[in-house]
N, C-alpha and C. Protein backbone atom coordinates (compact mmCIF):
# COMPACT_ATOMS: atom_id res chain seq x y z
N MET A 1 -46.25 1.14 -5.71
CA MET A 1 -45.96 2.13 -6.73
C MET A 1 -45.62 3.32 -5.95
N ASP A 2 -44.28 4.14 -5.90
CA ASP A 2 -43.96 4.84 -5.37
C ASP A 2 -44.05 5.99 -5.94
N ILE A 3 -44.46 7.04 -5.39
CA ILE A 3 -44.55 8.31 -6.43
C ILE A 3 -44.15 9.57 -5.84
N VAL A 4 -43.19 10.24 -5.95
CA VAL A 4 -42.85 11.50 -5.10
C VAL A 4 -42.66 13.08 -5.84
N ILE A 5 -43.19 13.51 -4.85
CA ILE A 5 -43.62 14.98 -5.25
C ILE A 5 -42.69 16.00 -4.49
N PRO A 6 -41.44 16.41 -5.27
CA PRO A 6 -41.13 17.52 -4.42
C PRO A 6 -41.59 18.76 -3.88
N LEU A 7 -41.67 19.59 -3.09
CA LEU A 7 -42.34 20.89 -2.60
C LEU A 7 -41.51 21.17 -2.25
N PHE A 8 -41.53 23.05 -2.36
CA PHE A 8 -40.39 23.57 -2.36
C PHE A 8 -41.40 25.29 -2.05
N ASP A 9 -41.07 26.38 -1.21
CA ASP A 9 -41.81 27.47 -1.26
C ASP A 9 -41.85 28.68 -2.00
N ASP A 10 -42.95 28.65 -2.95
CA ASP A 10 -43.09 29.29 -3.39
C ASP A 10 -43.48 28.29 -4.74
N PHE A 11 -44.58 26.81 -4.70
CA PHE A 11 -44.56 26.49 -5.61
C PHE A 11 -46.06 26.78 -6.19
N GLU A 12 -46.04 25.97 -7.77
CA GLU A 12 -47.42 26.87 -8.05
C GLU A 12 -48.39 25.52 -7.75
N PRO A 13 -49.45 25.74 -6.58
CA PRO A 13 -50.78 24.83 -6.17
C PRO A 13 -51.21 23.35 -7.03
N LEU A 14 -51.44 24.03 -7.92
CA LEU A 14 -52.36 23.09 -9.17
C LEU A 14 -51.22 22.10 -10.26
N ASP A 15 -49.97 22.47 -10.19
CA ASP A 15 -49.07 21.91 -10.41
C ASP A 15 -48.81 20.67 -10.03
N ALA A 16 -48.91 20.63 -8.49
CA ALA A 16 -48.72 19.64 -7.70
C ALA A 16 -49.68 18.84 -7.52
N ILE A 17 -50.85 19.41 -7.06
CA ILE A 17 -52.33 18.96 -6.29
C ILE A 17 -53.08 18.51 -7.82
N GLY A 18 -52.93 18.76 -8.82
CA GLY A 18 -53.67 18.42 -9.71
C GLY A 18 -52.93 16.84 -10.39
N PRO A 19 -51.68 16.72 -10.30
CA PRO A 19 -51.58 15.26 -10.12
C PRO A 19 -51.78 14.54 -9.78
N TYR A 20 -51.54 15.22 -8.23
CA TYR A 20 -51.74 14.19 -7.01
C TYR A 20 -52.91 13.63 -7.01
N GLN A 21 -54.17 14.41 -7.55
CA GLN A 21 -55.91 14.32 -7.05
C GLN A 21 -55.48 12.96 -8.62
N VAL A 22 -54.82 12.57 -9.51
CA VAL A 22 -54.58 11.79 -10.86
C VAL A 22 -53.97 10.72 -10.60
N LEU A 23 -52.84 10.55 -9.44
CA LEU A 23 -51.96 9.54 -9.63
C LEU A 23 -52.30 9.19 -7.91
N GLY A 24 -52.78 9.48 -7.75
CA GLY A 24 -53.12 8.91 -6.05
C GLY A 24 -54.20 7.84 -5.89
N TYR A 25 -54.84 7.62 -7.23
CA TYR A 25 -56.26 6.94 -7.64
C TYR A 25 -55.82 5.81 -8.32
N LEU A 26 -54.34 5.22 -8.63
CA LEU A 26 -54.34 4.21 -9.29
C LEU A 26 -53.78 3.46 -8.38
N PRO A 27 -54.27 1.96 -8.85
CA PRO A 27 -54.05 0.95 -7.60
C PRO A 27 -52.83 0.65 -7.44
N GLY A 28 -52.60 0.77 -5.89
CA GLY A 28 -51.15 0.42 -5.70
C GLY A 28 -50.08 1.22 -5.27
N ALA A 29 -50.31 2.20 -5.82
CA ALA A 29 -49.70 4.07 -5.81
C ALA A 29 -50.07 4.33 -4.51
N ALA A 30 -48.74 5.04 -3.94
CA ALA A 30 -48.54 6.21 -2.99
C ALA A 30 -47.89 7.35 -3.68
N VAL A 31 -48.39 8.34 -2.88
CA VAL A 31 -48.00 9.52 -3.77
C VAL A 31 -47.44 10.49 -2.00
N ARG A 32 -46.15 10.55 -2.66
CA ARG A 32 -45.91 11.01 -1.41
C ARG A 32 -45.19 12.68 -1.62
N PHE A 33 -45.01 13.85 -0.93
CA PHE A 33 -44.29 15.12 -0.93
C PHE A 33 -43.44 15.00 0.07
N VAL A 34 -42.25 15.85 -0.62
CA VAL A 34 -40.99 15.70 -0.04
C VAL A 34 -40.41 17.10 -0.17
N SER A 35 -39.79 17.69 1.14
CA SER A 35 -39.48 19.20 0.97
C SER A 35 -37.95 19.48 0.24
N ALA A 36 -37.97 20.04 -0.39
CA ALA A 36 -36.75 20.80 -1.24
C ALA A 36 -36.03 21.64 -0.20
N GLY A 37 -36.52 21.93 0.85
CA GLY A 37 -35.78 23.09 2.06
C GLY A 37 -35.61 22.09 3.02
N GLU A 38 -35.58 22.87 3.96
CA GLU A 38 -35.61 21.97 5.01
C GLU A 38 -37.03 21.02 6.10
N ARG A 39 -36.68 20.13 7.14
CA ARG A 39 -38.43 19.42 6.52
C ARG A 39 -39.51 20.75 7.68
N GLY A 40 -40.59 20.44 7.48
CA GLY A 40 -41.90 21.52 7.94
C GLY A 40 -42.93 22.29 6.90
N GLY A 41 -43.10 23.27 6.81
CA GLY A 41 -44.15 23.75 6.10
C GLY A 41 -43.77 24.36 4.86
N VAL A 42 -44.31 24.24 3.90
CA VAL A 42 -43.76 25.21 2.70
C VAL A 42 -44.80 25.90 2.00
N VAL A 43 -44.75 27.02 1.41
CA VAL A 43 -45.93 27.84 1.00
C VAL A 43 -46.12 28.21 -0.26
N ASP A 44 -47.02 27.74 -0.95
CA ASP A 44 -47.32 27.91 -2.13
C ASP A 44 -46.74 29.06 -2.83
N SER A 45 -47.04 29.97 -4.26
CA SER A 45 -46.72 31.04 -4.65
C SER A 45 -48.16 31.66 -4.27
N ILE A 46 -49.02 31.74 -3.76
CA ILE A 46 -50.56 32.28 -3.95
C ILE A 46 -50.08 32.95 -2.87
N GLY A 47 -49.78 32.02 -1.53
CA GLY A 47 -49.58 32.51 -0.01
C GLY A 47 -50.31 32.00 0.66
N GLY A 48 -51.74 31.42 0.05
CA GLY A 48 -52.72 30.98 1.31
C GLY A 48 -52.46 29.62 1.33
N LEU A 49 -52.25 28.53 0.71
CA LEU A 49 -51.70 27.29 0.94
C LEU A 49 -50.36 26.57 1.72
N ARG A 50 -50.27 26.28 3.44
CA ARG A 50 -49.51 25.93 3.30
C ARG A 50 -49.40 24.50 3.79
N LEU A 51 -48.89 23.93 3.51
CA LEU A 51 -48.18 22.63 3.48
C LEU A 51 -47.57 21.82 4.69
N ASP A 52 -47.86 20.85 5.49
CA ASP A 52 -46.67 20.22 6.84
C ASP A 52 -45.65 19.35 5.74
N VAL A 53 -44.54 19.34 5.30
CA VAL A 53 -43.67 17.65 4.34
C VAL A 53 -42.86 17.84 5.64
N PRO A 54 -42.87 16.53 6.09
CA PRO A 54 -41.99 16.28 7.09
C PRO A 54 -40.98 15.25 6.66
N THR A 55 -40.84 14.31 5.48
CA THR A 55 -39.96 14.30 4.85
C THR A 55 -39.11 15.13 3.96
N ARG A 56 -37.78 14.92 4.00
CA ARG A 56 -36.96 15.72 3.16
C ARG A 56 -36.56 14.80 2.04
N TYR A 57 -36.27 15.66 0.91
CA TYR A 57 -35.99 15.21 -0.52
C TYR A 57 -34.82 13.88 -0.33
N ALA A 58 -33.95 14.77 0.73
CA ALA A 58 -32.57 13.84 0.90
C ALA A 58 -32.74 12.31 1.47
N ASP A 59 -33.94 12.64 1.99
CA ASP A 59 -34.15 11.09 3.46
C ASP A 59 -35.05 10.02 2.00
N VAL A 60 -35.15 10.19 0.56
CA VAL A 60 -35.30 9.46 -0.84
C VAL A 60 -34.32 9.18 -1.93
N ASP A 61 -34.24 7.74 -1.78
CA ASP A 61 -33.16 7.73 -2.87
C ASP A 61 -33.63 6.60 -4.34
N ALA A 62 -34.40 6.75 -4.00
CA ALA A 62 -35.12 6.28 -5.47
C ALA A 62 -37.15 5.99 -5.42
N CYS A 63 -37.92 6.09 -6.69
CA CYS A 63 -38.77 6.00 -6.24
C CYS A 63 -39.23 5.42 -7.93
N ASP A 64 -40.67 5.30 -8.42
CA ASP A 64 -40.97 4.64 -9.69
C ASP A 64 -41.73 5.38 -10.61
N VAL A 65 -41.82 7.11 -9.68
CA VAL A 65 -42.16 7.90 -10.65
C VAL A 65 -41.78 9.62 -9.68
N LEU A 66 -40.93 10.40 -10.33
CA LEU A 66 -40.46 11.24 -9.88
C LEU A 66 -41.45 12.82 -10.41
N LEU A 67 -41.81 13.59 -9.54
CA LEU A 67 -42.67 14.76 -10.72
C LEU A 67 -42.70 15.85 -9.89
N VAL A 68 -41.76 16.93 -10.54
CA VAL A 68 -41.30 17.89 -10.25
C VAL A 68 -42.47 18.69 -10.81
N PRO A 69 -42.73 19.83 -9.74
CA PRO A 69 -43.86 20.79 -9.96
C PRO A 69 -43.20 22.19 -10.40
N GLY A 70 -44.28 23.29 -10.57
CA GLY A 70 -43.08 24.85 -11.07
C GLY A 70 -43.74 25.51 -9.95
N GLY A 71 -43.02 26.66 -10.76
CA GLY A 71 -43.57 27.77 -9.17
C GLY A 71 -42.65 28.90 -9.52
N HIS A 72 -42.66 30.00 -8.28
CA HIS A 72 -41.29 30.84 -8.24
C HIS A 72 -40.30 29.90 -7.67
N GLY A 73 -40.47 28.99 -6.96
CA GLY A 73 -39.61 28.82 -6.21
C GLY A 73 -38.28 27.81 -6.99
N THR A 74 -38.79 27.84 -7.96
CA THR A 74 -37.88 26.60 -8.65
C THR A 74 -36.82 27.44 -9.42
N ARG A 75 -36.86 29.25 -8.82
CA ARG A 75 -35.08 29.69 -9.28
C ARG A 75 -34.35 29.43 -8.61
N PRO A 76 -34.57 29.86 -6.98
CA PRO A 76 -33.42 29.32 -6.21
C PRO A 76 -32.55 28.01 -6.77
N LEU A 77 -33.66 26.94 -6.54
CA LEU A 77 -33.01 25.59 -6.68
C LEU A 77 -32.50 25.01 -7.85
N MET A 78 -32.49 26.01 -9.13
CA MET A 78 -31.59 25.85 -10.40
C MET A 78 -30.51 26.31 -9.86
N ASP A 79 -29.80 27.24 -8.70
CA ASP A 79 -28.29 26.90 -8.62
C ASP A 79 -28.27 26.31 -6.99
N ASP A 80 -29.19 24.96 -7.15
CA ASP A 80 -28.74 23.98 -5.61
C ASP A 80 -28.19 22.80 -6.01
N GLU A 81 -26.89 22.78 -6.14
CA GLU A 81 -26.60 21.62 -6.70
C GLU A 81 -26.34 20.65 -5.90
N ALA A 82 -27.20 20.40 -4.70
CA ALA A 82 -27.54 19.29 -3.92
C ALA A 82 -28.74 18.51 -4.35
N PHE A 83 -29.75 20.18 -4.75
CA PHE A 83 -31.03 19.52 -5.06
C PHE A 83 -30.96 18.97 -6.56
N LEU A 84 -30.29 19.25 -7.27
CA LEU A 84 -29.84 18.77 -8.85
C LEU A 84 -29.13 17.90 -8.56
N GLY A 85 -28.41 17.40 -7.86
CA GLY A 85 -27.87 16.02 -7.35
C GLY A 85 -28.77 14.76 -7.31
N TRP A 86 -29.63 15.22 -6.61
CA TRP A 86 -30.67 14.24 -6.03
C TRP A 86 -31.59 13.97 -7.09
N LEU A 87 -31.94 15.35 -8.28
CA LEU A 87 -32.88 14.35 -8.64
C LEU A 87 -31.87 13.98 -10.12
N ARG A 88 -30.85 14.41 -10.30
CA ARG A 88 -29.81 12.83 -11.11
C ARG A 88 -30.10 11.77 -10.93
N ARG A 89 -29.96 11.54 -9.43
CA ARG A 89 -29.45 10.72 -8.85
C ARG A 89 -30.71 9.33 -8.95
N THR A 90 -31.92 10.22 -8.46
CA THR A 90 -33.52 9.53 -8.60
C THR A 90 -33.66 9.46 -9.70
N HIS A 91 -33.85 10.68 -10.40
CA HIS A 91 -33.55 9.79 -12.02
C HIS A 91 -33.27 8.82 -12.84
N ALA A 92 -32.32 8.20 -12.15
CA ALA A 92 -32.05 6.96 -12.17
C ALA A 92 -32.50 5.80 -12.24
N THR A 93 -33.39 5.58 -10.91
CA THR A 93 -33.93 4.76 -10.70
C THR A 93 -35.11 4.97 -11.24
N THR A 94 -36.34 5.79 -11.52
CA THR A 94 -37.42 5.72 -11.69
C THR A 94 -38.07 5.18 -13.06
N ARG A 95 -39.40 4.55 -13.48
CA ARG A 95 -39.46 3.97 -14.45
C ARG A 95 -39.74 5.40 -15.11
N PHE A 96 -40.52 6.98 -14.48
CA PHE A 96 -40.78 8.19 -14.93
C PHE A 96 -40.83 8.96 -14.14
N THR A 97 -40.30 10.32 -14.97
CA THR A 97 -39.08 11.59 -14.55
C THR A 97 -40.37 12.44 -15.33
N ALA A 98 -41.05 13.33 -14.75
CA ALA A 98 -41.67 13.74 -15.04
C ALA A 98 -41.76 15.25 -14.39
N SER A 99 -42.14 16.57 -15.53
CA SER A 99 -42.74 17.85 -14.65
C SER A 99 -43.75 18.68 -15.07
N VAL A 100 -44.18 19.85 -14.15
CA VAL A 100 -45.13 19.75 -14.83
C VAL A 100 -44.83 22.11 -14.81
N CYS A 101 -45.02 22.29 -15.53
CA CYS A 101 -44.82 23.98 -15.75
C CYS A 101 -42.87 24.33 -15.77
N THR A 102 -42.74 25.26 -14.72
CA THR A 102 -41.22 25.62 -14.78
C THR A 102 -40.64 24.61 -13.85
N GLY A 103 -41.17 23.57 -13.50
CA GLY A 103 -40.70 22.30 -12.62
C GLY A 103 -39.29 21.54 -14.10
N ALA A 104 -39.85 21.70 -15.17
CA ALA A 104 -39.13 21.37 -16.49
C ALA A 104 -37.62 22.41 -16.10
N LEU A 105 -37.54 23.56 -15.75
CA LEU A 105 -36.55 24.18 -15.70
C LEU A 105 -35.17 23.52 -14.46
N LEU A 106 -36.27 22.90 -13.96
CA LEU A 106 -35.26 21.97 -12.93
C LEU A 106 -34.75 20.72 -13.44
N LEU A 107 -35.24 20.18 -14.40
CA LEU A 107 -34.81 19.08 -14.93
C LEU A 107 -33.99 19.45 -15.71
N GLY A 108 -34.04 20.41 -16.86
CA GLY A 108 -32.88 21.26 -17.66
C GLY A 108 -31.42 21.47 -17.14
N ALA A 109 -31.79 21.96 -15.97
CA ALA A 109 -30.31 22.95 -14.63
C ALA A 109 -30.18 21.19 -14.71
N ALA A 110 -30.73 20.22 -14.11
CA ALA A 110 -30.28 18.63 -13.77
C ALA A 110 -28.91 18.29 -15.05
N GLY A 111 -29.67 18.46 -15.94
CA GLY A 111 -28.97 17.88 -17.31
C GLY A 111 -29.54 16.84 -17.69
N LEU A 112 -31.50 16.92 -17.41
CA LEU A 112 -31.61 15.87 -17.61
C LEU A 112 -32.32 16.18 -19.31
N LEU A 113 -32.49 16.94 -19.54
CA LEU A 113 -33.57 17.22 -20.90
C LEU A 113 -31.99 17.52 -21.92
N ASP A 114 -31.27 17.62 -21.76
CA ASP A 114 -29.62 18.12 -22.63
C ASP A 114 -30.10 17.07 -24.13
N GLY A 115 -30.43 17.85 -25.69
CA GLY A 115 -31.31 17.21 -26.32
C GLY A 115 -32.78 17.10 -26.98
N LEU A 116 -33.25 17.09 -25.93
CA LEU A 116 -34.81 16.55 -25.58
C LEU A 116 -35.48 17.54 -26.25
N ALA A 117 -36.46 17.01 -26.55
CA ALA A 117 -38.01 18.13 -27.02
C ALA A 117 -38.33 18.40 -25.56
N ALA A 118 -38.88 19.65 -25.05
CA ALA A 118 -40.15 19.55 -23.88
C ALA A 118 -40.69 20.73 -23.85
N THR A 119 -41.63 20.59 -22.76
CA THR A 119 -42.37 21.49 -22.98
C THR A 119 -42.12 22.17 -21.51
N THR A 120 -42.92 23.42 -21.21
CA THR A 120 -42.78 24.38 -19.69
C THR A 120 -44.08 25.14 -20.12
N HIS A 121 -43.88 25.91 -18.89
CA HIS A 121 -44.95 27.56 -19.08
C HIS A 121 -44.15 28.33 -20.49
N TRP A 122 -45.52 28.74 -21.23
CA TRP A 122 -45.06 29.37 -22.11
C TRP A 122 -44.27 30.91 -22.02
N ALA A 123 -44.51 31.54 -20.69
CA ALA A 123 -43.31 32.32 -20.07
C ALA A 123 -41.64 31.84 -20.07
N ALA A 124 -41.74 30.85 -20.08
CA ALA A 124 -40.34 30.16 -19.45
C ALA A 124 -39.87 29.76 -20.70
N ALA A 125 -40.42 29.64 -21.66
CA ALA A 125 -40.09 28.69 -23.31
C ALA A 125 -38.12 29.40 -23.46
N GLY A 126 -37.71 30.34 -23.22
CA GLY A 126 -36.47 30.94 -23.69
C GLY A 126 -35.74 30.38 -22.58
N GLU A 127 -35.61 30.72 -20.93
CA GLU A 127 -35.19 29.29 -20.41
C GLU A 127 -35.07 28.02 -20.60
N LEU A 128 -35.62 27.70 -20.97
CA LEU A 128 -35.78 25.87 -21.28
C LEU A 128 -34.91 25.56 -22.32
N ALA A 129 -34.99 26.20 -23.01
CA ALA A 129 -34.38 26.22 -24.44
C ALA A 129 -32.20 26.62 -23.87
N ALA A 130 -32.36 27.56 -23.04
CA ALA A 130 -31.43 27.48 -22.24
C ALA A 130 -30.25 26.98 -21.65
N HIS A 131 -31.27 25.58 -21.53
CA HIS A 131 -30.71 24.82 -20.72
C HIS A 131 -30.96 23.60 -21.56
N GLY A 132 -30.79 23.42 -22.58
CA GLY A 132 -30.34 22.29 -23.13
C GLY A 132 -31.39 21.74 -24.38
N ALA A 133 -33.07 21.95 -23.84
CA ALA A 133 -34.07 21.33 -24.72
C ALA A 133 -34.00 22.02 -25.33
N ALA A 134 -34.82 20.86 -26.20
CA ALA A 134 -35.57 22.20 -27.24
C ALA A 134 -36.99 22.13 -27.41
N TYR A 135 -37.32 23.47 -26.45
CA TYR A 135 -38.94 23.67 -26.42
C TYR A 135 -39.95 23.49 -27.66
N THR A 136 -40.98 22.97 -27.06
CA THR A 136 -42.08 22.53 -28.01
C THR A 136 -43.27 22.74 -27.30
N PRO A 137 -44.29 23.64 -28.54
CA PRO A 137 -45.00 24.18 -28.04
C PRO A 137 -46.39 23.30 -27.59
N GLU A 138 -46.45 22.31 -27.04
CA GLU A 138 -47.64 20.93 -26.81
C GLU A 138 -47.91 20.91 -25.06
N ARG A 139 -49.12 20.38 -24.85
CA ARG A 139 -49.23 20.72 -24.05
C ARG A 139 -48.95 19.25 -22.64
N VAL A 140 -48.46 17.91 -23.62
CA VAL A 140 -47.36 17.29 -23.04
C VAL A 140 -46.90 16.50 -24.04
N VAL A 141 -44.91 16.51 -23.54
CA VAL A 141 -44.62 15.94 -24.55
C VAL A 141 -44.15 14.74 -23.44
N ARG A 142 -43.63 13.73 -24.47
CA ARG A 142 -42.67 12.58 -23.86
C ARG A 142 -41.59 12.29 -24.64
N ARG A 143 -40.81 11.96 -23.93
CA ARG A 143 -39.45 11.40 -24.42
C ARG A 143 -39.10 10.53 -23.94
N GLY A 144 -38.66 9.02 -24.56
CA GLY A 144 -38.86 8.01 -23.71
C GLY A 144 -39.34 8.02 -22.05
N ARG A 145 -38.29 7.58 -20.73
CA ARG A 145 -38.96 8.20 -19.49
C ARG A 145 -39.13 9.69 -19.30
N ILE A 146 -39.24 10.29 -19.97
CA ILE A 146 -39.09 11.87 -19.15
C ILE A 146 -40.42 12.88 -19.77
N VAL A 147 -41.39 12.60 -19.04
CA VAL A 147 -43.13 13.69 -19.54
C VAL A 147 -42.56 14.50 -18.95
N THR A 148 -42.63 15.95 -19.39
CA THR A 148 -43.06 17.28 -19.49
C THR A 148 -44.67 17.71 -19.52
N ALA A 149 -44.90 18.62 -19.01
CA ALA A 149 -46.63 19.13 -19.54
C ALA A 149 -45.93 20.50 -19.20
N ALA A 150 -46.94 21.95 -19.85
CA ALA A 150 -46.54 22.76 -19.99
C ALA A 150 -47.37 23.52 -18.65
N GLY A 151 -48.20 24.65 -18.93
CA GLY A 151 -48.32 25.68 -17.82
C GLY A 151 -49.40 24.97 -16.90
N VAL A 152 -49.09 24.72 -15.79
CA VAL A 152 -50.43 24.47 -14.32
C VAL A 152 -51.07 23.77 -14.94
N SER A 153 -52.37 23.91 -15.35
CA SER A 153 -53.52 23.12 -15.46
C SER A 153 -53.37 21.39 -16.53
N ALA A 154 -51.90 21.82 -17.51
CA ALA A 154 -51.36 20.54 -18.10
C ALA A 154 -50.68 19.77 -17.62
N GLY A 155 -50.91 19.77 -15.78
CA GLY A 155 -50.30 18.91 -15.36
C GLY A 155 -51.09 17.76 -15.21
N ILE A 156 -52.45 18.07 -15.27
CA ILE A 156 -53.83 16.89 -14.78
C ILE A 156 -54.05 16.50 -16.27
N ASP A 157 -53.45 16.66 -17.36
CA ASP A 157 -53.60 15.80 -18.37
C ASP A 157 -52.04 15.48 -18.58
N MET A 158 -50.71 15.77 -18.37
CA MET A 158 -49.91 14.58 -17.78
C MET A 158 -50.57 13.55 -17.17
N ALA A 159 -50.73 13.41 -15.35
CA ALA A 159 -50.60 12.98 -15.07
C ALA A 159 -51.52 12.10 -15.71
N LEU A 160 -52.49 11.96 -16.03
CA LEU A 160 -53.64 11.31 -17.01
C LEU A 160 -52.83 10.32 -18.06
N HIS A 161 -51.99 10.62 -18.49
CA HIS A 161 -51.20 10.21 -19.98
C HIS A 161 -50.43 9.81 -18.81
N LEU A 162 -49.47 9.97 -17.57
CA LEU A 162 -49.02 8.77 -16.69
C LEU A 162 -49.65 7.57 -16.26
N ALA A 163 -50.73 8.12 -16.41
CA ALA A 163 -52.07 7.01 -15.53
C ALA A 163 -52.27 5.56 -16.24
N ALA A 164 -52.25 6.13 -17.78
CA ALA A 164 -52.33 5.06 -19.06
C ALA A 164 -51.35 3.95 -18.72
N LEU A 165 -49.99 4.82 -19.25
CA LEU A 165 -48.52 4.74 -19.09
C LEU A 165 -48.36 3.17 -18.15
N LEU A 166 -48.80 3.92 -16.98
CA LEU A 166 -48.63 3.18 -15.35
C LEU A 166 -49.61 2.00 -15.29
N THR A 167 -50.81 2.11 -15.76
CA THR A 167 -51.68 1.11 -15.80
C THR A 167 -52.18 0.49 -17.66
N ASP A 168 -53.33 0.67 -17.42
CA ASP A 168 -53.82 1.29 -18.61
C ASP A 168 -55.01 2.15 -19.19
N GLU A 169 -55.55 2.06 -20.20
CA GLU A 169 -56.15 3.40 -20.72
C GLU A 169 -57.25 3.14 -20.20
N THR A 170 -58.26 2.51 -19.81
CA THR A 170 -59.20 2.08 -19.21
C THR A 170 -58.98 3.05 -17.71
N THR A 171 -58.41 2.02 -16.99
CA THR A 171 -58.13 2.97 -15.67
C THR A 171 -57.85 4.27 -15.85
N ALA A 172 -57.01 5.00 -17.11
CA ALA A 172 -56.58 6.43 -16.63
C ALA A 172 -58.07 7.04 -16.85
N ARG A 173 -59.04 6.57 -17.73
CA ARG A 173 -60.25 6.92 -18.44
C ARG A 173 -61.14 7.16 -16.93
N ALA A 174 -60.64 5.88 -16.37
CA ALA A 174 -62.06 5.79 -15.17
C ALA A 174 -61.49 6.99 -13.87
N ILE A 175 -60.22 7.54 -14.27
CA ILE A 175 -59.94 8.61 -12.86
C ILE A 175 -60.29 9.58 -13.64
N GLN A 176 -60.66 9.44 -14.81
CA GLN A 176 -60.79 11.04 -15.69
C GLN A 176 -62.26 11.50 -15.14
N LEU A 177 -63.25 10.24 -15.23
CA LEU A 177 -64.34 10.30 -15.13
C LEU A 177 -64.75 10.49 -13.59
N HIS A 178 -63.82 9.73 -12.42
CA HIS A 178 -64.13 10.15 -11.21
C HIS A 178 -63.72 11.84 -11.03
N ALA A 179 -63.20 11.98 -11.78
CA ALA A 179 -62.39 13.59 -11.11
C ALA A 179 -63.39 14.15 -12.20
N GLU A 180 -64.08 13.99 -12.95
CA GLU A 180 -65.15 14.93 -14.00
C GLU A 180 -64.49 15.93 -14.48
N TYR A 181 -63.66 14.91 -15.19
CA TYR A 181 -62.38 15.88 -15.90
C TYR A 181 -62.64 16.51 -17.34
N ASP A 182 -63.62 17.48 -17.75
CA ASP A 182 -64.55 17.02 -19.18
C ASP A 182 -64.12 18.67 -18.97
N PRO A 183 -63.26 19.23 -19.29
CA PRO A 183 -63.27 20.50 -19.54
C PRO A 183 -63.48 21.80 -20.39
N LEU A 184 -64.81 22.48 -19.90
CA LEU A 184 -65.32 23.61 -21.23
C LEU A 184 -65.29 24.70 -20.36
N PRO A 185 -64.06 25.43 -20.71
CA PRO A 185 -63.66 26.95 -20.18
C PRO A 185 -64.77 27.89 -20.61
N PRO A 186 -65.07 28.92 -19.74
CA PRO A 186 -66.26 29.83 -20.56
C PRO A 186 -65.01 31.07 -21.22
N PHE A 187 -64.16 30.80 -21.72
CA PHE A 187 -63.09 31.63 -22.52
C PHE A 187 -62.30 30.99 -23.07
N ASP A 188 -61.63 31.26 -24.50
CA ASP A 188 -60.68 30.56 -24.94
C ASP A 188 -59.66 31.30 -24.76
N SER A 189 -58.76 31.41 -24.08
CA SER A 189 -57.46 32.20 -23.37
C SER A 189 -56.71 31.40 -22.79
N GLY A 190 -56.38 30.52 -23.20
CA GLY A 190 -55.51 28.81 -22.20
C GLY A 190 -54.11 29.15 -23.10
N SER A 191 -54.03 29.91 -24.18
CA SER A 191 -52.56 29.90 -24.45
C SER A 191 -52.02 31.11 -25.01
N TRP A 192 -50.62 31.16 -25.10
CA TRP A 192 -50.39 32.24 -25.67
C TRP A 192 -51.09 33.10 -26.82
N ALA A 193 -51.36 32.00 -28.08
CA ALA A 193 -51.59 31.67 -29.47
C ALA A 193 -53.01 32.44 -29.51
N LYS A 194 -53.73 32.18 -28.58
CA LYS A 194 -54.90 31.98 -28.76
C LYS A 194 -55.67 33.62 -27.88
N ALA A 195 -55.11 34.13 -26.83
CA ALA A 195 -54.92 35.03 -25.95
C ALA A 195 -55.23 36.72 -26.81
N SER A 196 -55.65 37.25 -26.34
CA SER A 196 -55.69 38.81 -27.43
C SER A 196 -54.73 39.59 -26.76
N PRO A 197 -54.51 40.68 -27.05
CA PRO A 197 -53.34 41.78 -26.62
C PRO A 197 -53.98 42.17 -25.57
N ALA A 198 -55.33 42.23 -25.27
CA ALA A 198 -55.36 43.03 -23.75
C ALA A 198 -55.65 42.27 -22.56
N VAL A 199 -55.41 40.53 -22.66
CA VAL A 199 -55.04 39.95 -22.21
C VAL A 199 -53.80 39.69 -21.93
N ARG A 200 -53.09 39.48 -22.63
CA ARG A 200 -51.82 39.61 -22.65
C ARG A 200 -51.02 40.80 -21.72
N GLU A 201 -51.55 41.25 -22.02
CA GLU A 201 -50.83 43.27 -21.06
C GLU A 201 -51.56 42.95 -20.09
N ARG A 202 -52.77 42.07 -19.69
CA ARG A 202 -53.51 42.02 -18.07
C ARG A 202 -52.79 40.86 -17.52
N ILE A 203 -52.57 40.16 -18.19
CA ILE A 203 -51.82 38.62 -17.14
C ILE A 203 -50.17 39.43 -16.89
N GLY A 204 -49.69 40.50 -17.04
CA GLY A 204 -48.40 41.13 -16.51
C GLY A 204 -48.82 41.52 -15.45
N GLN A 205 -50.22 42.05 -15.04
CA GLN A 205 -50.58 42.55 -13.66
C GLN A 205 -50.88 41.69 -12.70
N LEU A 206 -51.16 40.74 -13.14
CA LEU A 206 -51.43 39.59 -11.83
C LEU A 206 -50.09 39.34 -11.10
N GLY A 207 -50.51 38.42 -9.85
CA GLY A 207 -49.60 38.69 -8.89
C GLY A 207 -48.83 37.23 -9.19
C-alpha cells in the first residue's frame, strides 16, 4: 500500500507527522514524503524542523492514498498549476485522497472539492467555500474517496478513520492503542465555538 504525503516549505508539522505516525503502522503500508518544490530540504511552519525530501512530487504518478497537509506554504501552491495538475492526476489513481487543515484549500484549488462538503482549519472556512466546497465544522468529513480533516491535530483522527477503511476497525484500534492516543487535554479551547474571547484574541499573537 503506497501512501504519499507531499511536503513544502512552511508545512504544519503535525499535519504530516500525525498521519504518518498512524498510517505507517498499517500492515503492508509504505509512507513516502515527496517534495512539492525542488528536491532537498523543506522547513516546517515553526522553523525548527528541517526534513530532507529527495523525491519530487513529479516523480510520482500514482498511489493508493494521497494525503495533503496544510500550513502557510499552501498559499503559493494554490497558484501553482503544475502542482495542482499533479494533484488531479494522482487523485485519479487513489483509493483515498485526504487533506489535513489548509491542505483542503489545495484540493479545492485543484477542483477536487466542487460541490462537496469538506472541512479545514476554522480560520480558512471562507477560503474553502470560495473554492466550491461546502464548509462543514466537523473534525473529519468523508465524501466518497475524499476525506478531509479540520485543523492540525484532527489529522490523527482522520488517519485512524482511514486506517479502519484501508484495513479493519480492530487494526485501527490497535494503532490507536500503540500510540496511546487517548486525549484528555487540560483545557477545553480546542474549537472556535468553545474558546473564550480572551483566547480568541490571544491566538492572533501566536507565530
